[in-house]
Protein backbone atom coordinates (compact mmCIF):
# COMPACT_ATOMS: atom_id res chain seq x y z
CA UNK A 1 -23.33 -28.14 -44.42
CA UNK A 2 -25.52 -30.56 -42.63
CA UNK A 3 -29.26 -31.00 -44.28
CA UNK A 4 -32.50 -29.62 -43.06
CA UNK A 5 -34.44 -32.36 -41.00
CA UNK A 6 -36.82 -34.02 -43.16
CA UNK A 7 -39.99 -32.19 -42.79
CA UNK A 8 -38.64 -30.13 -39.20
CA UNK A 9 -42.83 -29.22 -38.30
CA UNK A 10 -43.95 -32.73 -38.24
CA UNK A 11 -40.81 -33.77 -36.54
CA UNK A 12 -42.49 -30.47 -33.84
CA UNK A 13 -45.79 -32.42 -33.95
CA UNK A 14 -44.39 -36.22 -33.25
CA UNK A 15 -42.45 -34.58 -30.26
CA UNK A 16 -45.20 -32.90 -28.71
CA UNK A 17 -47.74 -36.07 -29.48
CA UNK A 18 -44.62 -38.02 -27.64
CA UNK A 19 -44.74 -35.86 -24.64
CA UNK A 20 -48.64 -35.95 -24.29
CA UNK A 21 -48.23 -39.78 -24.23
CA UNK A 22 -45.62 -39.81 -21.75
CA UNK A 23 -47.33 -37.63 -19.30
CA UNK A 24 -50.51 -40.28 -19.36
CA UNK A 25 -47.60 -42.87 -18.49
CA UNK A 26 -47.07 -41.19 -15.45
CA UNK A 27 -50.39 -40.32 -14.84
CA UNK A 28 -51.08 -44.81 -15.30
CA UNK A 29 -48.55 -45.24 -12.98
CA UNK A 30 -50.25 -42.83 -10.26
CA UNK A 31 -53.33 -44.79 -10.64
CA UNK A 32 -55.12 -42.43 -12.89
CA UNK A 33 -58.32 -44.03 -14.49
CA UNK A 34 -58.63 -43.88 -17.99
CA UNK A 35 -61.41 -41.54 -18.44
CA UNK A 36 -59.79 -38.78 -15.89
CA UNK A 37 -56.35 -39.25 -18.20
CA UNK A 38 -58.32 -39.10 -21.06
CA UNK A 39 -60.03 -35.62 -19.90
CA UNK A 40 -56.93 -34.21 -18.10
CA UNK A 41 -55.00 -34.76 -21.87
CA UNK A 42 -58.06 -34.01 -24.14
CA UNK A 43 -57.74 -37.25 -25.81
CA UNK A 44 -60.76 -39.65 -26.91
CA UNK A 45 -61.03 -42.61 -24.29
CA UNK A 46 -60.17 -44.92 -27.17
CA UNK A 47 -56.54 -43.42 -27.65
CA UNK A 48 -56.17 -43.57 -23.94
CA UNK A 49 -57.48 -47.57 -24.10
CA UNK A 50 -54.46 -47.92 -26.57
CA UNK A 51 -52.08 -46.08 -24.84
CA UNK A 52 -52.81 -48.32 -21.85
CA UNK A 53 -52.43 -51.10 -23.17
CA UNK A 54 -49.20 -50.11 -24.97
CA UNK A 55 -48.07 -49.17 -21.15
CA UNK A 56 -48.76 -51.94 -20.16
CA UNK A 57 -46.95 -54.00 -21.68
CA UNK A 58 -43.93 -52.50 -22.71
CA UNK A 59 -43.61 -49.16 -20.42
CA UNK A 60 -43.11 -45.82 -21.07
CA UNK A 61 -40.64 -46.51 -23.56
CA UNK A 62 -43.50 -48.33 -25.50
CA UNK A 63 -44.82 -44.67 -25.59
CA UNK A 64 -42.25 -43.19 -27.59
CA UNK A 65 -42.84 -41.56 -31.08
CA UNK A 66 -41.65 -44.53 -33.98
CA UNK A 67 -40.54 -41.58 -36.31
CA UNK A 68 -41.49 -40.30 -39.34
CA UNK A 69 -43.93 -42.59 -41.32
CA UNK A 70 -43.75 -42.91 -45.13
CA UNK A 71 -40.80 -44.01 -47.05
CA UNK A 72 -37.14 -43.46 -46.10
CA UNK A 73 -35.42 -40.57 -48.07
CA UNK A 74 -34.03 -42.00 -51.11
CA UNK A 75 -30.78 -40.05 -50.74
CA UNK A 76 -28.85 -40.39 -47.58
CA UNK A 77 -27.56 -37.43 -46.17
CA UNK A 78 -24.01 -38.21 -46.96
CA UNK A 79 -25.31 -38.49 -50.53
CA UNK A 80 -27.31 -35.01 -50.11
CA UNK A 81 -23.94 -33.63 -49.35
CA UNK A 82 -22.05 -34.73 -52.13
CA UNK A 83 -24.96 -33.42 -54.32
CA UNK A 84 -24.84 -30.08 -53.10
CA UNK A 85 -21.26 -29.73 -52.91
CA UNK A 86 -21.49 -30.37 -56.96
CA UNK A 87 -24.20 -27.63 -57.25
CA UNK A 88 -21.75 -25.05 -55.36
CA UNK A 89 -19.04 -26.00 -57.89
CA UNK A 90 -21.52 -24.58 -60.52
CA UNK A 91 -22.80 -25.88 -63.69
CA UNK A 92 -19.85 -25.53 -65.68
CA UNK A 93 -17.69 -27.73 -63.20
CA UNK A 94 -20.32 -30.04 -63.71
CA UNK A 95 -20.23 -30.33 -67.84
CA UNK A 96 -23.10 -27.62 -68.82
CA UNK A 97 -22.75 -24.75 -70.33
CA UNK A 98 -23.74 -21.90 -68.82
CA UNK A 99 -24.01 -21.51 -64.75
CA UNK A 100 -27.75 -21.24 -65.31
CA UNK A 101 -28.93 -24.67 -62.87
CA UNK A 102 -32.42 -26.06 -64.09
CA UNK A 103 -34.37 -28.80 -62.40
CA UNK A 104 -33.39 -31.28 -65.52
CA UNK A 105 -29.48 -30.30 -64.74
CA UNK A 106 -30.24 -30.96 -61.09
CA UNK A 107 -31.65 -34.49 -61.60
CA UNK A 108 -28.77 -35.44 -63.72
CA UNK A 109 -25.85 -34.19 -61.47
CA UNK A 110 -27.86 -36.30 -58.69
CA UNK A 111 -28.44 -39.10 -61.21
CA UNK A 112 -24.54 -38.64 -62.38
CA UNK A 113 -23.18 -38.85 -58.56
CA UNK A 114 -25.33 -41.08 -56.76
CA UNK A 115 -26.91 -43.18 -59.13
CA UNK A 116 -30.37 -42.20 -58.06
CA UNK A 117 -32.95 -40.98 -60.51
CA UNK A 118 -35.04 -38.62 -59.74
CA UNK A 119 -37.62 -36.57 -61.84
CA UNK A 120 -36.99 -32.85 -62.04
CA UNK A 121 -40.64 -32.43 -60.60
CA UNK A 122 -39.30 -33.99 -57.02
CA UNK A 123 -36.01 -31.97 -57.40
CA UNK A 124 -37.68 -28.88 -55.99
CA UNK A 125 -38.82 -30.48 -53.39
CA UNK A 126 -35.75 -32.35 -52.12
CA UNK A 127 -33.74 -28.76 -52.33
CA UNK A 128 -36.26 -26.88 -50.48
CA UNK A 129 -37.21 -29.31 -47.58
CA UNK A 130 -33.87 -31.23 -47.21
CA UNK A 131 -31.34 -28.87 -48.16
CA UNK A 132 -33.52 -25.35 -47.55
CA UNK A 133 -32.78 -24.00 -50.79
CA UNK A 134 -35.26 -21.63 -52.95
CA UNK A 135 -36.24 -20.88 -56.03
CA UNK A 136 -33.76 -18.04 -57.81
CA UNK A 137 -34.13 -16.72 -61.13
CA UNK A 138 -31.90 -14.34 -62.83
CA UNK A 139 -32.38 -11.17 -63.67
CA UNK A 140 -33.25 -10.75 -67.57
CA UNK A 141 -31.06 -7.68 -68.54
CA UNK A 142 -30.08 -7.52 -72.01
CA UNK A 143 -26.29 -8.09 -72.66
CA UNK A 144 -24.87 -4.69 -74.52
CA UNK A 145 -25.98 -2.73 -70.83
CA UNK A 146 -23.53 -0.50 -69.92
CA UNK A 147 -24.74 -0.01 -65.76
CA UNK A 148 -21.81 3.10 -65.73
CA UNK A 149 -24.26 5.23 -68.24
CA UNK A 150 -27.73 4.36 -67.08
CA UNK A 151 -26.09 5.30 -63.57
CA UNK A 152 -24.62 8.61 -65.10
CA UNK A 153 -28.03 9.26 -66.81
CA UNK A 154 -30.19 8.30 -63.53
CA UNK A 155 -28.20 10.93 -61.17
CA UNK A 156 -27.27 13.76 -63.98
CA UNK A 157 -30.21 14.31 -66.53
CA UNK A 158 -33.50 12.16 -64.50
CA UNK A 159 -33.78 15.25 -62.42
CA UNK A 160 -33.29 17.68 -65.26
CA UNK A 161 -36.08 16.07 -66.90
CA UNK A 162 -38.19 15.55 -63.99
CA UNK A 163 -38.41 18.75 -62.67
CA UNK A 164 -40.90 21.42 -64.12
CA UNK A 165 -39.44 24.24 -66.10
CA UNK A 166 -39.27 27.31 -64.33
CA UNK A 167 -41.11 26.75 -61.26
CA UNK A 168 -43.93 26.37 -63.50
CA UNK A 169 -47.29 24.71 -61.94
CA UNK A 170 -47.64 21.44 -63.24
CA UNK A 171 -50.58 21.55 -65.62
CA UNK A 172 -53.92 19.70 -64.95
CA UNK A 173 -54.56 16.95 -67.02
CA UNK A 174 -58.33 16.60 -67.22
CA UNK A 175 -60.53 19.30 -69.05
CA UNK A 176 -63.90 18.38 -67.21
CA UNK A 177 -63.00 18.20 -63.73
CA UNK A 178 -61.92 21.07 -61.90
CA UNK A 179 -58.62 20.95 -59.77
CA UNK A 180 -59.20 20.56 -56.05
CA UNK A 181 -57.45 22.50 -53.67
């Protein structure tokens, strides 16, 4: 499964800003003054001045986005796919007791499979932003739970308990406030 692009909203914003800069390059090529470019695109004259200098030295290619800022991801897409496959195999297949995944266990799997150490606090961001996973919490139920008996009780016994006996009017619980019509 391919990984989710890193911060897709930021990528969309980068694309929009690049489109605006390329529109400025078209206006520069058409001979429009920098002040008019700033007015048409709704940006500061200082920004247009910087774009114009870059456009003069390198053409429209100089105004292309330089990609995401900040450090590169510590796990490549191939490494992340390996980790994801390990998580899909289950916790017991990775040497843990029980099928419950915790952030500490996932951090340990990441370190075993890739050699990259993550603090458990960062594992959640990795799972959410790069893999598109969300937090899942198991439903707490008693081990002795008999679902068939519960379903039978709800179907047969609960309607008898819920109904008022012999079509009687429900009693009014307030002794100080009269019942409204």
